[in-house]
Amino acid sequence: MKAVLVREFGAPEVLRAEEVADPRPAAGELLVAVEAAGVNFIDVYRRSGAYPGPLPFIPGAEAAGVVIALGPETDEAACRHRVGDRVAWANQPGGYAERAVIPAHRAVPVPDGLTCRSAAAVLLQGMTAHYLTHDTYPVRPGDTVLVHAAAGGMGLLLTQLARLRGGRVIGTVSTAEKEKAARAAGAWQVLRHGQDDIAAAVRELTDGEGVAAVYDGVGAPTFDASLDSLRPRGTLAVFGQAGGRVPPVDLQRLNAAGSVFVTRPNLDHHIATAGELAHRAADVFGLVAGGRIDLHIGGSFPLERAGEAHRALESRASTGKLLLTTSTTNGDTP
């Protein structure tokens, strides 16, 4: 099969499509013909060595496709998946390939009315946006929240989920085109990085109070403005570091900011059990299939152009979600 391999840590150029042996599922595993894989910053961190691991490896923490085999002694009824089923997964390795082996208990069904391409575009980021707005800081009707990078794949989903829960969103973006995308997703106000004083503008928009929560996947470049934008006892959720790791913080700053909360949550801890994974995935897929969340796929690339997809993601020039597709992709529109 064809797969993207990382044989050394580094820039996007280390991503190379090669012919490799087909993987074989063990007991309790599924062999899946991958149709599409999501491109996420977690893939960038692992490719670059920011999150080091054994070499070589096939990146790709999110994908969807069709089950083509079960591992030996794997009972279809027990694992709840059969050959021919469409499944998706997140936070499991090996998605940048034509075939992948996945633990059966970490795969979720793709519902009727949703393509594998759409499932791969929404599962990881959708479940992340779900736990952030439902658990980390549960948005309440009337809350104002700040979403950084509001025109990216995560930002667009966060904005829509916060609005569905009755909140209003102040988004931050870097370009006029991205401002249009954020407003189309329902952002109440949109601020510009490098142009607006984010914290001061947030205070002005909230009559001096600040926001109930900040959802920050950028990290170091936005951390200070995020902290300064919170209302007393507000919550700052730093769920990523696309712009760099946040330096150590003096806890006294949280007191001075108004007894605020800062957390660094992780998706794995919010889908730790099979039940929680199934519930969260079903919620996200249901919102998309029911038309309550719009997906914006900013670009699709074949496996051979994985490096180009990573460059587009890291440049922050793209909007929405980026995908890698394989020769098995059926061409359905999301």
C-alpha atoms as a PDB file:
ATOM      1  CA  MET A   1       0.000   0.000   0.000  1.00  0.00           C
ATOM      2  CA  LYS A   2       0.983   3.657  -0.218  1.00  0.00           C
ATOM      3  CA  ALA A   3       1.684   5.498   3.043  1.00  0.00           C
ATOM      4  CA  VAL A   4       3.369   8.677   4.218  1.00  0.00           C
ATOM      5  CA  LEU A   5       6.440   7.968   6.326  1.00  0.00           C
ATOM      6  CA  VAL A   6       8.488  10.142   8.671  1.00  0.00           C
ATOM      7  CA  ARG A   7      12.020   8.718   8.859  1.00  0.00           C
ATOM      8  CA  GLU A   8      13.528  11.772  10.539  1.00  0.00           C
ATOM      9  CA  PHE A   9      12.088  14.715  12.451  1.00  0.00           C
ATOM     10  CA  GLY A  10      12.018  18.014  10.625  1.00  0.00           C
ATOM     11  CA  ALA A  11      10.223  20.325   8.195  1.00  0.00           C
ATOM     12  CA  PRO A  12       7.313  19.266   5.957  1.00  0.00           C
ATOM     13  CA  GLU A  13       9.810  17.891   3.434  1.00  0.00           C
ATOM     14  CA  VAL A  14      10.416  14.853   5.655  1.00  0.00           C
ATOM     15  CA  LEU A  15       6.911  13.622   4.778  1.00  0.00           C
ATOM     16  CA  ARG A  16       7.389  11.143   1.925  1.00  0.00           C
ATOM     17  CA  ALA A  17       4.856   8.831   0.306  1.00  0.00           C
ATOM     18  CA  GLU A  18       6.272   5.321  -0.077  1.00  0.00           C
ATOM     19  CA  GLU A  19       5.137   1.806  -0.903  1.00  0.00           C
ATOM     20  CA  VAL A  20       5.060  -0.273   2.292  1.00  0.00           C
ATOM     21  CA  ALA A  21       3.692  -3.640   3.335  1.00  0.00           C
ATOM     22  CA  ASP A  22      -0.005  -3.784   4.142  1.00  0.00           C
ATOM     23  CA  PRO A  23      -0.632  -3.800   7.901  1.00  0.00           C
ATOM     24  CA  ARG A  24      -2.238  -6.873   9.472  1.00  0.00           C
ATOM     25  CA  PRO A  25      -4.830  -6.589  12.231  1.00  0.00           C
ATOM     26  CA  ALA A  26      -4.349  -8.526  15.449  1.00  0.00           C
ATOM     27  CA  ALA A  27      -7.111  -9.770  17.718  1.00  0.00           C
ATOM     28  CA  GLY A  28      -9.458  -6.927  18.630  1.00  0.00           C
ATOM     29  CA  GLU A  29      -8.329  -4.758  15.704  1.00  0.00           C
ATOM     30  CA  LEU A  30      -9.849  -3.582  12.413  1.00  0.00           C
ATOM     31  CA  LEU A  31      -8.166  -3.232   9.044  1.00  0.00           C
ATOM     32  CA  VAL A  32      -9.636  -0.151   7.351  1.00  0.00           C
ATOM     33  CA  ALA A  33      -9.353   1.130   3.781  1.00  0.00           C
ATOM     34  CA  VAL A  34      -8.753   4.809   4.480  1.00  0.00           C
ATOM     35  CA  GLU A  35     -10.693   7.302   2.405  1.00  0.00           C
ATOM     36  CA  ALA A  36      -9.609  10.541   4.075  1.00  0.00           C
ATOM     37  CA  ALA A  37      -7.359  11.684   6.904  1.00  0.00           C
ATOM     38  CA  GLY A  38      -7.552  14.952   8.784  1.00  0.00           C
ATOM     39  CA  VAL A  39      -4.491  17.205   8.902  1.00  0.00           C
ATOM     40  CA  ASN A  40      -3.998  18.532  12.445  1.00  0.00           C
ATOM     41  CA  PHE A  41      -1.362  20.382  14.430  1.00  0.00           C
ATOM     42  CA  ILE A  42      -0.773  17.228  16.484  1.00  0.00           C
ATOM     43  CA  ASP A  43       0.623  15.754  13.245  1.00  0.00           C
ATOM     44  CA  VAL A  44       2.914  18.766  12.896  1.00  0.00           C
ATOM     45  CA  TYR A  45       4.168  18.404  16.466  1.00  0.00           C
ATOM     46  CA  ARG A  46       4.988  14.725  15.909  1.00  0.00           C
ATOM     47  CA  ARG A  47       6.571  15.294  12.500  1.00  0.00           C
ATOM     48  CA  SER A  48       8.797  18.082  13.797  1.00  0.00           C
ATOM     49  CA  GLY A  49       9.862  16.198  16.933  1.00  0.00           C
ATOM     50  CA  ALA A  50       8.120  18.610  19.307  1.00  0.00           C
ATOM     51  CA  TYR A  51       6.331  15.467  20.507  1.00  0.00           C
ATOM     52  CA  PRO A  52       9.125  12.912  19.947  1.00  0.00           C
ATOM     53  CA  GLY A  53       8.501   9.223  19.394  1.00  0.00           C
ATOM     54  CA  PRO A  54      10.016   6.192  17.667  1.00  0.00           C
ATOM     55  CA  LEU A  55      11.107   6.470  14.031  1.00  0.00           C
ATOM     56  CA  PRO A  56      10.034   5.713  11.365  1.00  0.00           C
ATOM     57  CA  PHE A  57       6.282   6.183  11.728  1.00  0.00           C
ATOM     58  CA  ILE A  58       3.151   6.875   9.697  1.00  0.00           C
ATOM     59  CA  PRO A  59       1.543  10.108  10.940  1.00  0.00           C
ATOM     60  CA  GLY A  60      -2.133  10.940  10.967  1.00  0.00           C
ATOM     61  CA  ALA A  61      -4.201  10.941  14.157  1.00  0.00           C
ATOM     62  CA  GLU A  62      -7.630  11.187  12.501  1.00  0.00           C
ATOM     63  CA  ALA A  63      -9.152   9.334   9.569  1.00  0.00           C
ATOM     64  CA  ALA A  64     -12.188   7.528   8.219  1.00  0.00           C
ATOM     65  CA  GLY A  65     -12.812   4.659   5.848  1.00  0.00           C
ATOM     66  CA  VAL A  66     -14.353   1.236   5.302  1.00  0.00           C
ATOM     67  CA  VAL A  67     -13.631  -1.877   7.373  1.00  0.00           C
ATOM     68  CA  ILE A  68     -12.133  -4.553   5.092  1.00  0.00           C
ATOM     69  CA  ALA A  69     -11.061  -7.138   7.675  1.00  0.00           C
ATOM     70  CA  LEU A  70     -11.209  -8.003  11.361  1.00  0.00           C
ATOM     71  CA  GLY A  71      -8.297  -9.412  13.280  1.00  0.00           C
ATOM     72  CA  PRO A  72      -8.259 -13.125  14.064  1.00  0.00           C
ATOM     73  CA  GLU A  73     -10.608 -14.253  16.798  1.00  0.00           C
ATOM     74  CA  THR A  74     -12.323 -10.854  16.756  1.00  0.00           C
ATOM     75  CA  ASP A  75     -16.044 -11.270  17.315  1.00  0.00           C
ATOM     76  CA  GLU A  76     -18.169  -8.913  15.165  1.00  0.00           C
ATOM     77  CA  ALA A  77     -20.922  -8.710  17.749  1.00  0.00           C
ATOM     78  CA  ALA A  78     -18.513  -7.991  20.576  1.00  0.00           C
ATOM     79  CA  CYS A  79     -16.591  -5.288  18.726  1.00  0.00           C
ATOM     80  CA  ARG A  80     -19.772  -3.874  17.105  1.00  0.00           C
ATOM     81  CA  HIS A  81     -18.093  -3.472  13.702  1.00  0.00           C
ATOM     82  CA  ARG A  82     -18.365  -5.629  10.597  1.00  0.00           C
ATOM     83  CA  VAL A  83     -16.650  -5.817   7.240  1.00  0.00           C
ATOM     84  CA  GLY A  84     -18.173  -3.116   5.042  1.00  0.00           C
ATOM     85  CA  ASP A  85     -18.948  -0.743   7.900  1.00  0.00           C
ATOM     86  CA  ARG A  86     -17.790   2.855   7.630  1.00  0.00           C
ATOM     87  CA  VAL A  87     -15.811   3.971  10.685  1.00  0.00           C
ATOM     88  CA  ALA A  88     -13.766   6.920  11.881  1.00  0.00           C
ATOM     89  CA  TRP A  89     -11.217   7.458  14.634  1.00  0.00           C
ATOM     90  CA  ALA A  90      -9.211  10.146  16.376  1.00  0.00           C
ATOM     91  CA  ASN A  91      -6.022  10.165  18.448  1.00  0.00           C
ATOM     92  CA  GLN A  92      -4.910   6.877  16.891  1.00  0.00           C
ATOM     93  CA  PRO A  93      -1.783   6.749  14.681  1.00  0.00           C
ATOM     94  CA  GLY A  94      -1.347   5.731  11.063  1.00  0.00           C
ATOM     95  CA  GLY A  95      -4.025   7.672   9.192  1.00  0.00           C
ATOM     96  CA  TYR A  96      -1.782   8.975   6.388  1.00  0.00           C
ATOM     97  CA  ALA A  97      -2.029   5.701   4.471  1.00  0.00           C
ATOM     98  CA  GLU A  98      -4.256   3.731   2.141  1.00  0.00           C
ATOM     99  CA  ARG A  99      -4.872   1.183   4.897  1.00  0.00           C
ATOM    100  CA  ALA A 100      -4.713   1.439   8.674  1.00  0.00           C
ATOM    101  CA  VAL A 101      -5.124  -0.880  11.642  1.00  0.00           C
ATOM    102  CA  ILE A 102      -7.253   0.489  14.481  1.00  0.00           C
ATOM    103  CA  PRO A 103      -8.326  -0.962  17.847  1.00  0.00           C
ATOM    104  CA  ALA A 104     -11.979  -1.876  17.401  1.00  0.00           C
ATOM    105  CA  HIS A 105     -12.997  -0.177  20.647  1.00  0.00           C
ATOM    106  CA  ARG A 106     -11.529   3.167  19.458  1.00  0.00           C
ATOM    107  CA  ALA A 107     -13.413   3.221  16.145  1.00  0.00           C
ATOM    108  CA  VAL A 108     -16.802   4.940  15.904  1.00  0.00           C
ATOM    109  CA  PRO A 109     -19.461   4.373  13.241  1.00  0.00           C
ATOM    110  CA  VAL A 110     -19.970   6.965  10.532  1.00  0.00           C
ATOM    111  CA  PRO A 111     -23.740   7.554  10.379  1.00  0.00           C
ATOM    112  CA  ASP A 112     -25.851   7.500   7.252  1.00  0.00           C
ATOM    113  CA  GLY A 113     -25.963  10.913   5.664  1.00  0.00           C
ATOM    114  CA  LEU A 114     -22.313  11.668   6.454  1.00  0.00           C
ATOM    115  CA  THR A 115     -19.445  10.851   4.099  1.00  0.00           C
ATOM    116  CA  CYS A 116     -16.120   9.479   5.288  1.00  0.00           C
ATOM    117  CA  ARG A 117     -14.562  12.701   4.047  1.00  0.00           C
ATOM    118  CA  SER A 118     -16.810  14.748   6.322  1.00  0.00           C
ATOM    119  CA  ALA A 119     -16.208  12.385   9.237  1.00  0.00           C
ATOM    120  CA  ALA A 120     -12.440  12.762   8.844  1.00  0.00           C
ATOM    121  CA  ALA A 121     -12.860  16.525   8.658  1.00  0.00           C
ATOM    122  CA  VAL A 122     -14.748  16.887  11.924  1.00  0.00           C
ATOM    123  CA  LEU A 123     -14.112  14.097  14.423  1.00  0.00           C
ATOM    124  CA  LEU A 124     -10.915  15.158  16.197  1.00  0.00           C
ATOM    125  CA  GLN A 125     -11.553  18.893  16.139  1.00  0.00           C
ATOM    126  CA  GLY A 126     -15.283  18.452  16.663  1.00  0.00           C
ATOM    127  CA  MET A 127     -14.819  16.363  19.805  1.00  0.00           C
ATOM    128  CA  THR A 128     -12.200  18.849  21.024  1.00  0.00           C
ATOM    129  CA  ALA A 129     -14.576  21.775  20.496  1.00  0.00           C
ATOM    130  CA  HIS A 130     -17.305  19.709  22.163  1.00  0.00           C
ATOM    131  CA  TYR A 131     -15.437  19.045  25.408  1.00  0.00           C
ATOM    132  CA  LEU A 132     -14.113  22.607  25.540  1.00  0.00           C
ATOM    133  CA  THR A 133     -17.584  24.167  25.293  1.00  0.00           C
ATOM    134  CA  HIS A 134     -19.431  21.470  27.265  1.00  0.00           C
ATOM    135  CA  ASP A 135     -16.931  20.473  29.984  1.00  0.00           C
ATOM    136  CA  THR A 136     -13.829  22.663  30.288  1.00  0.00           C
ATOM    137  CA  TYR A 137     -15.973  25.769  30.429  1.00  0.00           C
ATOM    138  CA  PRO A 138     -19.633  24.923  29.753  1.00  0.00           C
ATOM    139  CA  VAL A 139     -20.915  27.897  27.778  1.00  0.00           C
ATOM    140  CA  ARG A 140     -24.148  29.269  29.224  1.00  0.00           C
ATOM    141  CA  PRO A 141     -26.786  31.428  27.550  1.00  0.00           C
ATOM    142  CA  GLY A 142     -25.626  35.041  27.579  1.00  0.00           C
ATOM    143  CA  ASP A 143     -21.904  34.223  28.041  1.00  0.00           C
ATOM    144  CA  THR A 144     -19.358  36.017  25.899  1.00  0.00           C
ATOM    145  CA  VAL A 145     -16.289  33.955  24.989  1.00  0.00           C
ATOM    146  CA  LEU A 146     -13.108  34.661  23.047  1.00  0.00           C
ATOM    147  CA  VAL A 147     -11.958  32.227  20.341  1.00  0.00           C
ATOM    148  CA  HIS A 148      -8.487  32.658  18.880  1.00  0.00           C
ATOM    149  CA  ALA A 149      -7.809  31.658  15.264  1.00  0.00           C
ATOM    150  CA  ALA A 150     -11.548  31.739  14.706  1.00  0.00           C
ATOM    151  CA  ALA A 151     -11.323  30.976  10.978  1.00  0.00           C
ATOM    152  CA  GLY A 152      -9.314  27.772  11.362  1.00  0.00           C
ATOM    153  CA  GLY A 153     -10.885  24.350  11.513  1.00  0.00           C
ATOM    154  CA  MET A 154     -11.030  24.422  15.317  1.00  0.00           C
ATOM    155  CA  GLY A 155     -12.085  28.040  15.520  1.00  0.00           C
ATOM    156  CA  LEU A 156     -15.030  27.617  13.179  1.00  0.00           C
ATOM    157  CA  LEU A 157     -16.300  24.630  15.178  1.00  0.00           C
ATOM    158  CA  LEU A 158     -15.787  26.347  18.540  1.00  0.00           C
ATOM    159  CA  THR A 159     -17.687  29.385  17.322  1.00  0.00           C
ATOM    160  CA  GLN A 160     -20.643  27.322  16.146  1.00  0.00           C
ATOM    161  CA  LEU A 161     -20.819  25.147  19.272  1.00  0.00           C
ATOM    162  CA  ALA A 162     -20.569  28.161  21.587  1.00  0.00           C
ATOM    163  CA  ARG A 163     -23.420  29.817  19.704  1.00  0.00           C
ATOM    164  CA  LEU A 164     -25.540  26.662  19.846  1.00  0.00           C
ATOM    165  CA  ARG A 165     -25.186  26.799  23.645  1.00  0.00           C
ATOM    166  CA  GLY A 166     -26.423  30.387  23.713  1.00  0.00           C
ATOM    167  CA  GLY A 167     -23.104  32.213  23.903  1.00  0.00           C
ATOM    168  CA  ARG A 168     -21.757  35.008  21.769  1.00  0.00           C
ATOM    169  CA  VAL A 169     -18.264  34.798  20.312  1.00  0.00           C
ATOM    170  CA  ILE A 170     -15.513  37.332  19.863  1.00  0.00           C
ATOM    171  CA  GLY A 171     -13.108  35.839  17.349  1.00  0.00           C
ATOM    172  CA  THR A 172      -9.554  36.747  16.427  1.00  0.00           C
ATOM    173  CA  VAL A 173      -8.167  36.346  12.898  1.00  0.00           C
ATOM    174  CA  SER A 174      -5.255  37.602  10.805  1.00  0.00           C
ATOM    175  CA  THR A 175      -6.836  38.610   7.462  1.00  0.00           C
ATOM    176  CA  ALA A 176      -9.974  40.136   5.966  1.00  0.00           C
ATOM    177  CA  GLU A 177     -10.806  36.827   4.248  1.00  0.00           C
ATOM    178  CA  LYS A 178     -10.618  35.002   7.562  1.00  0.00           C
ATOM    179  CA  GLU A 179     -12.790  37.650   9.185  1.00  0.00           C
ATOM    180  CA  LYS A 180     -15.510  36.860   6.631  1.00  0.00           C
ATOM    181  CA  ALA A 181     -15.248  33.152   7.435  1.00  0.00           C
ATOM    182  CA  ALA A 182     -15.468  33.771  11.190  1.00  0.00           C
ATOM    183  CA  ARG A 183     -18.503  36.019  10.811  1.00  0.00           C
ATOM    184  CA  ALA A 184     -20.172  33.483   8.521  1.00  0.00           C
ATOM    185  CA  ALA A 185     -19.756  30.909  11.303  1.00  0.00           C
ATOM    186  CA  GLY A 186     -21.590  33.222  13.683  1.00  0.00           C
ATOM    187  CA  ALA A 187     -18.911  35.290  15.426  1.00  0.00           C
ATOM    188  CA  TRP A 188     -20.485  38.346  17.046  1.00  0.00           C
ATOM    189  CA  GLN A 189     -17.349  40.476  16.733  1.00  0.00           C
ATOM    190  CA  VAL A 190     -14.001  39.789  15.027  1.00  0.00           C
ATOM    191  CA  LEU A 191     -10.645  41.307  16.018  1.00  0.00           C
ATOM    192  CA  ARG A 192      -7.399  41.340  14.034  1.00  0.00           C
ATOM    193  CA  HIS A 193      -4.067  40.035  15.294  1.00  0.00           C
ATOM    194  CA  GLY A 194      -1.360  42.646  14.742  1.00  0.00           C
ATOM    195  CA  GLN A 195      -3.938  45.369  14.266  1.00  0.00           C
ATOM    196  CA  ASP A 196      -6.122  45.421  17.387  1.00  0.00           C
ATOM    197  CA  ASP A 197      -5.116  45.482  21.040  1.00  0.00           C
ATOM    198  CA  ILE A 198      -7.008  42.282  21.734  1.00  0.00           C
ATOM    199  CA  ALA A 199      -7.438  42.603  25.499  1.00  0.00           C
ATOM    200  CA  ALA A 200      -8.386  46.291  25.333  1.00  0.00           C
ATOM    201  CA  ALA A 201     -10.876  45.649  22.537  1.00  0.00           C
ATOM    202  CA  VAL A 202     -12.433  42.755  24.464  1.00  0.00           C
ATOM    203  CA  ARG A 203     -12.862  44.991  27.531  1.00  0.00           C
ATOM    204  CA  GLU A 204     -14.512  47.650  25.403  1.00  0.00           C
ATOM    205  CA  LEU A 205     -16.876  45.163  23.774  1.00  0.00           C
ATOM    206  CA  THR A 206     -17.894  43.720  27.152  1.00  0.00           C
ATOM    207  CA  ASP A 207     -18.334  47.073  28.926  1.00  0.00           C
ATOM    208  CA  GLY A 208     -15.169  46.501  30.934  1.00  0.00           C
ATOM    209  CA  GLU A 209     -16.160  43.093  32.307  1.00  0.00           C
ATOM    210  CA  GLY A 210     -14.136  40.680  30.167  1.00  0.00           C
ATOM    211  CA  VAL A 211     -15.140  37.298  28.781  1.00  0.00           C
ATOM    212  CA  ALA A 212     -16.308  34.205  30.612  1.00  0.00           C
ATOM    213  CA  ALA A 213     -13.806  31.996  28.803  1.00  0.00           C
ATOM    214  CA  VAL A 214     -10.993  32.102  26.279  1.00  0.00           C
ATOM    215  CA  TYR A 215     -10.381  29.120  24.007  1.00  0.00           C
ATOM    216  CA  ASP A 216      -6.758  29.446  22.926  1.00  0.00           C
ATOM    217  CA  GLY A 217      -5.066  26.965  20.598  1.00  0.00           C
ATOM    218  CA  VAL A 218      -2.291  29.371  19.613  1.00  0.00           C
ATOM    219  CA  GLY A 219      -0.264  29.427  22.831  1.00  0.00           C
ATOM    220  CA  ALA A 220       2.648  31.763  23.480  1.00  0.00           C
ATOM    221  CA  PRO A 221       1.729  34.661  21.133  1.00  0.00           C
ATOM    222  CA  THR A 222      -1.796  35.019  22.539  1.00  0.00           C
ATOM    223  CA  PHE A 223      -1.448  33.891  26.166  1.00  0.00           C
ATOM    224  CA  ASP A 224      -1.017  37.329  27.756  1.00  0.00           C
ATOM    225  CA  ALA A 225      -3.921  38.853  25.822  1.00  0.00           C
ATOM    226  CA  SER A 226      -6.039  35.826  26.701  1.00  0.00           C
ATOM    227  CA  LEU A 227      -5.345  36.176  30.409  1.00  0.00           C
ATOM    228  CA  ASP A 228      -6.009  39.915  30.303  1.00  0.00           C
ATOM    229  CA  SER A 229      -9.346  39.375  28.519  1.00  0.00           C
ATOM    230  CA  LEU A 230     -10.961  37.282  31.260  1.00  0.00           C
ATOM    231  CA  ARG A 231     -13.630  38.448  33.639  1.00  0.00           C
ATOM    232  CA  PRO A 232     -13.126  37.675  37.349  1.00  0.00           C
ATOM    233  CA  ARG A 233     -13.226  33.894  37.880  1.00  0.00           C
ATOM    234  CA  GLY A 234     -13.106  33.351  34.117  1.00  0.00           C
ATOM    235  CA  THR A 235     -11.479  30.347  32.455  1.00  0.00           C
ATOM    236  CA  LEU A 236      -8.562  30.265  30.029  1.00  0.00           C
ATOM    237  CA  ALA A 237      -8.324  26.948  28.176  1.00  0.00           C
ATOM    238  CA  VAL A 238      -4.990  26.606  26.362  1.00  0.00           C
ATOM    239  CA  PHE A 239      -5.691  23.516  24.263  1.00  0.00           C
ATOM    240  CA  GLY A 240      -2.821  23.840  21.763  1.00  0.00           C
ATOM    241  CA  GLN A 241       0.424  25.578  20.954  1.00  0.00           C
ATOM    242  CA  ALA A 242       0.314  26.308  17.236  1.00  0.00           C
ATOM    243  CA  GLY A 243       2.284  29.497  17.868  1.00  0.00           C
ATOM    244  CA  GLY A 244       4.685  28.064  20.441  1.00  0.00           C
ATOM    245  CA  ARG A 245       4.800  26.725  23.987  1.00  0.00           C
ATOM    246  CA  VAL A 246       3.600  29.026  26.795  1.00  0.00           C
ATOM    247  CA  PRO A 247       6.476  29.896  29.182  1.00  0.00           C
ATOM    248  CA  PRO A 248       6.155  29.160  32.924  1.00  0.00           C
ATOM    249  CA  VAL A 249       3.590  31.389  34.633  1.00  0.00           C
ATOM    250  CA  ASP A 250       3.703  33.005  38.077  1.00  0.00           C
ATOM    251  CA  LEU A 251       0.493  31.829  39.757  1.00  0.00           C
ATOM    252  CA  GLN A 252       0.124  35.229  41.391  1.00  0.00           C
ATOM    253  CA  ARG A 253      -0.924  36.507  37.971  1.00  0.00           C
ATOM    254  CA  LEU A 254      -4.112  34.448  38.267  1.00  0.00           C
ATOM    255  CA  ASN A 255      -4.937  36.225  41.521  1.00  0.00           C
ATOM    256  CA  ALA A 256      -4.255  39.646  40.030  1.00  0.00           C
ATOM    257  CA  ALA A 257      -6.405  38.836  37.006  1.00  0.00           C
ATOM    258  CA  GLY A 258      -9.420  38.152  39.221  1.00  0.00           C
ATOM    259  CA  SER A 259      -9.057  34.636  40.660  1.00  0.00           C
ATOM    260  CA  VAL A 260      -9.115  33.234  37.135  1.00  0.00           C
ATOM    261  CA  PHE A 261      -8.598  29.631  36.071  1.00  0.00           C
ATOM    262  CA  VAL A 262      -6.038  28.385  33.550  1.00  0.00           C
ATOM    263  CA  THR A 263      -6.128  24.828  32.232  1.00  0.00           C
ATOM    264  CA  ARG A 264      -4.298  22.786  29.601  1.00  0.00           C
ATOM    265  CA  PRO A 265      -6.853  20.124  28.586  1.00  0.00           C
ATOM    266  CA  ASN A 266      -6.314  17.161  26.273  1.00  0.00           C
ATOM    267  CA  LEU A 267      -8.801  15.250  24.108  1.00  0.00           C
ATOM    268  CA  ASP A 268      -7.569  11.847  25.303  1.00  0.00           C
ATOM    269  CA  HIS A 269      -8.753  12.614  28.828  1.00  0.00           C
ATOM    270  CA  HIS A 270     -12.238  13.425  27.511  1.00  0.00           C
ATOM    271  CA  ILE A 271     -12.693  10.253  25.445  1.00  0.00           C
ATOM    272  CA  ALA A 272     -10.925   7.924  27.872  1.00  0.00           C
ATOM    273  CA  THR A 273     -13.722   5.360  28.031  1.00  0.00           C
ATOM    274  CA  ALA A 274     -15.509   3.690  25.143  1.00  0.00           C
ATOM    275  CA  GLY A 275     -18.780   5.138  26.410  1.00  0.00           C
ATOM    276  CA  GLU A 276     -17.543   8.722  26.506  1.00  0.00           C
ATOM    277  CA  LEU A 277     -15.932   8.359  23.071  1.00  0.00           C
ATOM    278  CA  ALA A 278     -19.169   6.993  21.596  1.00  0.00           C
ATOM    279  CA  HIS A 279     -21.293   9.697  23.211  1.00  0.00           C
ATOM    280  CA  ARG A 280     -19.063  12.597  22.167  1.00  0.00           C
ATOM    281  CA  ALA A 281     -18.573  11.314  18.610  1.00  0.00           C
ATOM    282  CA  ALA A 282     -22.298  10.691  18.173  1.00  0.00           C
ATOM    283  CA  ASP A 283     -23.092  14.214  19.372  1.00  0.00           C
ATOM    284  CA  VAL A 284     -20.637  15.758  16.918  1.00  0.00           C
ATOM    285  CA  PHE A 285     -21.679  13.608  13.954  1.00  0.00           C
ATOM    286  CA  GLY A 286     -25.338  14.231  14.768  1.00  0.00           C
ATOM    287  CA  LEU A 287     -24.868  17.992  14.732  1.00  0.00           C
ATOM    288  CA  VAL A 288     -23.172  17.825  11.331  1.00  0.00           C
ATOM    289  CA  ALA A 289     -25.616  15.346   9.802  1.00  0.00           C
ATOM    290  CA  GLY A 290     -28.525  17.403  11.145  1.00  0.00           C
ATOM    291  CA  GLY A 291     -27.224  20.597   9.559  1.00  0.00           C
ATOM    292  CA  ARG A 292     -26.638  22.387  12.861  1.00  0.00           C
ATOM    293  CA  ILE A 293     -22.884  22.592  12.248  1.00  0.00           C
ATOM    294  CA  ASP A 294     -21.459  23.584   8.883  1.00  0.00           C
ATOM    295  CA  LEU A 295     -18.158  22.054   7.770  1.00  0.00           C
ATOM    296  CA  HIS A 296     -15.642  24.098   5.838  1.00  0.00           C
ATOM    297  CA  ILE A 297     -12.977  22.000   4.120  1.00  0.00           C
ATOM    298  CA  GLY A 298     -10.241  24.400   3.112  1.00  0.00           C
ATOM    299  CA  GLY A 299      -8.355  21.971   0.892  1.00  0.00           C
ATOM    300  CA  SER A 300      -7.826  18.308  -0.013  1.00  0.00           C
ATOM    301  CA  PHE A 301      -4.442  16.860  -0.947  1.00  0.00           C
ATOM    302  CA  PRO A 302      -3.392  13.376  -2.127  1.00  0.00           C
ATOM    303  CA  LEU A 303      -0.979  11.474   0.103  1.00  0.00           C
ATOM    304  CA  GLU A 304       1.934  12.455  -2.152  1.00  0.00           C
ATOM    305  CA  ARG A 305       1.345  16.103  -1.228  1.00  0.00           C
ATOM    306  CA  ALA A 306       1.273  15.667   2.544  1.00  0.00           C
ATOM    307  CA  GLY A 307       4.166  18.093   2.927  1.00  0.00           C
ATOM    308  CA  GLU A 308       2.242  20.740   1.022  1.00  0.00           C
ATOM    309  CA  ALA A 309      -0.748  20.224   3.332  1.00  0.00           C
ATOM    310  CA  HIS A 310       1.477  20.695   6.386  1.00  0.00           C
ATOM    311  CA  ARG A 311       2.989  23.856   4.942  1.00  0.00           C
ATOM    312  CA  ALA A 312      -0.497  25.247   4.316  1.00  0.00           C
ATOM    313  CA  LEU A 313      -1.536  24.468   7.889  1.00  0.00           C
ATOM    314  CA  GLU A 314       1.597  25.929   9.477  1.00  0.00           C
ATOM    315  CA  SER A 315       1.454  29.075   7.346  1.00  0.00           C
ATOM    316  CA  ARG A 316      -1.985  29.832   8.838  1.00  0.00           C
ATOM    317  CA  ALA A 317      -2.993  30.986   5.363  1.00  0.00           C
ATOM    318  CA  SER A 318      -5.694  28.302   5.127  1.00  0.00           C
ATOM    319  CA  THR A 319      -9.221  28.475   6.452  1.00  0.00           C
ATOM    320  CA  GLY A 320     -11.238  25.532   7.672  1.00  0.00           C
ATOM    321  CA  LYS A 321     -10.062  21.924   7.677  1.00  0.00           C
ATOM    322  CA  LEU A 322      -7.374  20.361   5.507  1.00  0.00           C
ATOM    323  CA  LEU A 323      -7.576  16.721   4.398  1.00  0.00           C
ATOM    324  CA  LEU A 324      -5.411  14.068   2.814  1.00  0.00           C
ATOM    325  CA  THR A 325      -7.271  11.711   0.490  1.00  0.00           C
ATOM    326  CA  THR A 326      -6.399   8.315  -0.918  1.00  0.00           C
ATOM    327  CA  SER A 327      -7.150   6.527  -4.174  1.00  0.00           C
ATOM    328  CA  THR A 328     -10.141   4.874  -2.457  1.00  0.00           C
ATOM    329  CA  THR A 329     -11.895   8.190  -1.815  1.00  0.00           C
ATOM    330  CA  ASN A 330     -15.310   8.093  -3.403  1.00  0.00           C
ATOM    331  CA  GLY A 331     -15.387  11.770  -4.359  1.00  0.00           C
ATOM    332  CA  ASP A 332     -18.526  12.563  -2.380  1.00  0.00           C
ATOM    333  CA  THR A 333     -18.866  16.165  -1.369  1.00  0.00           C
ATOM    334  CA  PRO A 334     -18.937  16.923   2.379  1.00  0.00           C
END
